[in-house]
Amino acid sequence: MSEPQNIEDVIAKYGAQKLTELILETLGPELTEKFNAVGLDPEGIIRYMPLGQKISKTRERKRMSVKEASAALKIPQYRIKAIEEGSFSQIDPEFFQIYARFLEIEDYVESWFGVNAELAEKMGISDREKIRPKLR
């Protein structure tokens, strides 16, 4: 098997839990304690990375800046950046859903939800109806 080329390949090869264990083991117990003290979830961060990258790369493929996306959606730039960077405490679920629809990545988001349901629920972004509303 060839070497992983991106974070999705790394996670697919090693699994998010195993990758987290390896990273924390490498960083040592002191840093792990600091993560826990400030409420950081390393495995959650690793699981979210492919989604955040997909979102930012899709925006870039549309030749749109964060500022332009913010203006088009009337969402503050810091909220767009939080969604792309995985700053969980600043991700507003409603803005996340609007942004995903705007970028037309509903299929990818639904697929990510399927593998990361617990994290999506914890973040408050798991409402599939809001990502892809049914036509009435």
Protein backbone atom coordinates (compact mmCIF):
# COMPACT_ATOMS: atom_id res chain seq x y z
CA MET A 1 0.00 0.00 0.00
CA SER A 2 1.34 3.44 -0.89
CA GLU A 3 1.96 6.12 1.73
CA PRO A 4 -1.07 8.26 2.65
CA GLN A 5 -1.21 11.53 0.71
CA ASN A 6 -3.71 13.51 2.81
CA ILE A 7 -5.48 13.45 6.17
CA GLU A 8 -8.37 11.36 4.82
CA ASP A 9 -5.91 8.70 3.67
CA VAL A 10 -4.09 8.77 7.03
CA ILE A 11 -7.34 8.38 8.95
CA ALA A 12 -8.48 5.61 6.58
CA LYS A 13 -5.19 3.77 7.00
CA TYR A 14 -4.75 4.09 10.75
CA GLY A 15 -8.19 5.03 12.09
CA ALA A 16 -8.88 8.23 14.03
CA GLN A 17 -8.64 6.54 17.41
CA LYS A 18 -5.29 4.88 16.66
CA LEU A 19 -3.94 8.06 15.07
CA THR A 20 -4.96 10.02 18.18
CA GLU A 21 -3.24 7.49 20.42
CA LEU A 22 -0.04 7.73 18.37
CA ILE A 23 -0.06 11.53 18.42
CA LEU A 24 -0.72 11.75 22.15
CA GLU A 25 1.91 9.12 22.85
CA THR A 26 4.41 11.12 20.80
CA LEU A 27 3.49 14.42 22.47
CA GLY A 28 3.74 12.94 25.94
CA PRO A 29 1.58 12.94 29.06
CA GLU A 30 2.16 16.60 29.93
CA LEU A 31 0.59 17.84 26.71
CA THR A 32 -2.20 15.30 26.95
CA GLU A 33 -3.04 16.66 30.41
CA LYS A 34 -3.07 20.20 29.03
CA PHE A 35 -5.48 19.14 26.27
CA ASN A 36 -7.79 17.64 28.86
CA ALA A 37 -7.49 20.67 31.16
CA VAL A 38 -8.74 23.05 28.46
CA GLY A 39 -11.35 20.67 27.11
CA LEU A 40 -9.69 19.84 23.79
CA ASP A 41 -10.76 16.61 22.14
CA PRO A 42 -7.81 15.42 20.00
CA GLU A 43 -9.75 12.56 18.43
CA GLY A 44 -12.63 14.91 17.58
CA ILE A 45 -10.19 17.33 15.98
CA ILE A 46 -8.66 14.54 13.90
CA ARG A 47 -12.10 13.26 12.86
CA TYR A 48 -13.22 16.77 11.85
CA MET A 49 -10.11 17.59 9.79
CA PRO A 50 -11.25 15.95 6.51
CA LEU A 51 -14.60 17.75 6.72
CA GLY A 52 -12.98 21.12 7.43
CA GLN A 53 -10.52 20.59 4.58
CA LYS A 54 -13.32 19.60 2.19
CA ILE A 55 -15.22 22.76 3.10
CA SER A 56 -12.27 25.13 2.64
CA LYS A 57 -11.06 23.44 -0.56
CA THR A 58 -14.58 23.57 -2.03
CA ARG A 59 -14.80 27.29 -1.28
CA GLU A 60 -11.36 27.81 -2.85
CA ARG A 61 -12.37 25.80 -5.96
CA LYS A 62 -15.29 28.18 -6.34
CA ARG A 63 -12.67 30.97 -6.33
CA MET A 64 -14.25 32.55 -3.31
CA SER A 65 -12.51 34.13 -0.33
CA VAL A 66 -13.73 33.79 3.25
CA LYS A 67 -14.74 37.45 3.05
CA GLU A 68 -16.81 36.83 -0.11
CA ALA A 69 -18.51 33.76 1.37
CA SER A 70 -19.23 35.72 4.52
CA ALA A 71 -20.81 38.58 2.56
CA ALA A 72 -22.86 36.25 0.34
CA LEU A 73 -24.26 34.34 3.31
CA LYS A 74 -24.38 37.19 5.82
CA ILE A 75 -22.38 35.02 8.22
CA PRO A 76 -19.50 36.61 10.17
CA GLN A 77 -16.07 35.74 8.78
CA TYR A 78 -14.93 34.29 12.12
CA ARG A 79 -17.82 31.77 11.92
CA ILE A 80 -16.77 30.71 8.39
CA LYS A 81 -13.17 30.31 9.60
CA ALA A 82 -14.34 28.34 12.65
CA ILE A 83 -16.22 25.91 10.40
CA GLU A 84 -13.22 25.45 8.10
CA GLU A 85 -10.67 25.17 10.93
CA GLY A 86 -12.76 23.04 13.29
CA SER A 87 -12.95 25.52 16.16
CA PHE A 88 -15.76 23.57 17.79
CA SER A 89 -16.72 26.18 20.39
CA GLN A 90 -17.30 28.78 17.67
CA ILE A 91 -19.18 26.62 15.17
CA ASP A 92 -22.79 27.70 15.03
CA PRO A 93 -24.86 24.70 13.84
CA GLU A 94 -27.22 26.87 11.80
CA PHE A 95 -24.34 28.62 10.02
CA PHE A 96 -22.65 25.25 9.41
CA GLN A 97 -25.77 23.94 7.69
CA ILE A 98 -26.22 27.09 5.60
CA TYR A 99 -22.55 27.00 4.54
CA ALA A 100 -22.66 23.30 3.59
CA ARG A 101 -25.72 23.87 1.39
CA PHE A 102 -24.16 26.98 -0.14
CA LEU A 103 -21.04 24.98 -1.09
CA GLU A 104 -23.23 22.12 -2.39
CA ILE A 105 -21.43 19.46 -0.36
CA GLU A 106 -24.48 17.87 1.23
CA ASP A 107 -23.53 14.37 0.05
CA TYR A 108 -20.06 14.65 1.57
CA VAL A 109 -21.43 16.03 4.84
CA GLU A 110 -24.01 13.25 5.08
CA SER A 111 -21.30 10.68 4.43
CA TRP A 112 -19.13 12.26 7.14
CA PHE A 113 -22.12 12.20 9.54
CA GLY A 114 -22.48 8.48 8.89
CA VAL A 115 -18.96 7.80 10.12
CA ASN A 116 -18.85 10.51 12.81
CA ALA A 117 -22.40 10.56 14.17
CA GLU A 118 -21.34 10.95 17.81
CA LEU A 119 -19.06 13.92 17.06
CA ALA A 120 -21.66 15.56 14.81
CA GLU A 121 -24.24 15.19 17.57
CA LYS A 122 -21.85 16.59 20.17
CA MET A 123 -21.19 19.60 17.90
CA GLY A 124 -24.91 20.09 17.25
CA ILE A 125 -24.52 19.75 13.48
CA SER A 126 -26.12 16.36 12.96
CA ASP A 127 -29.58 17.46 11.81
CA ARG A 128 -29.67 15.99 8.31
CA GLU A 129 -33.01 17.65 7.58
CA LYS A 130 -31.32 21.04 7.85
CA ILE A 131 -28.41 20.02 5.63
CA ARG A 132 -30.71 18.66 2.92
CA PRO A 133 -34.27 19.86 3.50
CA LYS A 134 -36.94 17.68 1.91
CA LEU A 135 -39.00 19.30 -0.79
CA ARG A 136 -42.59 19.65 0.28
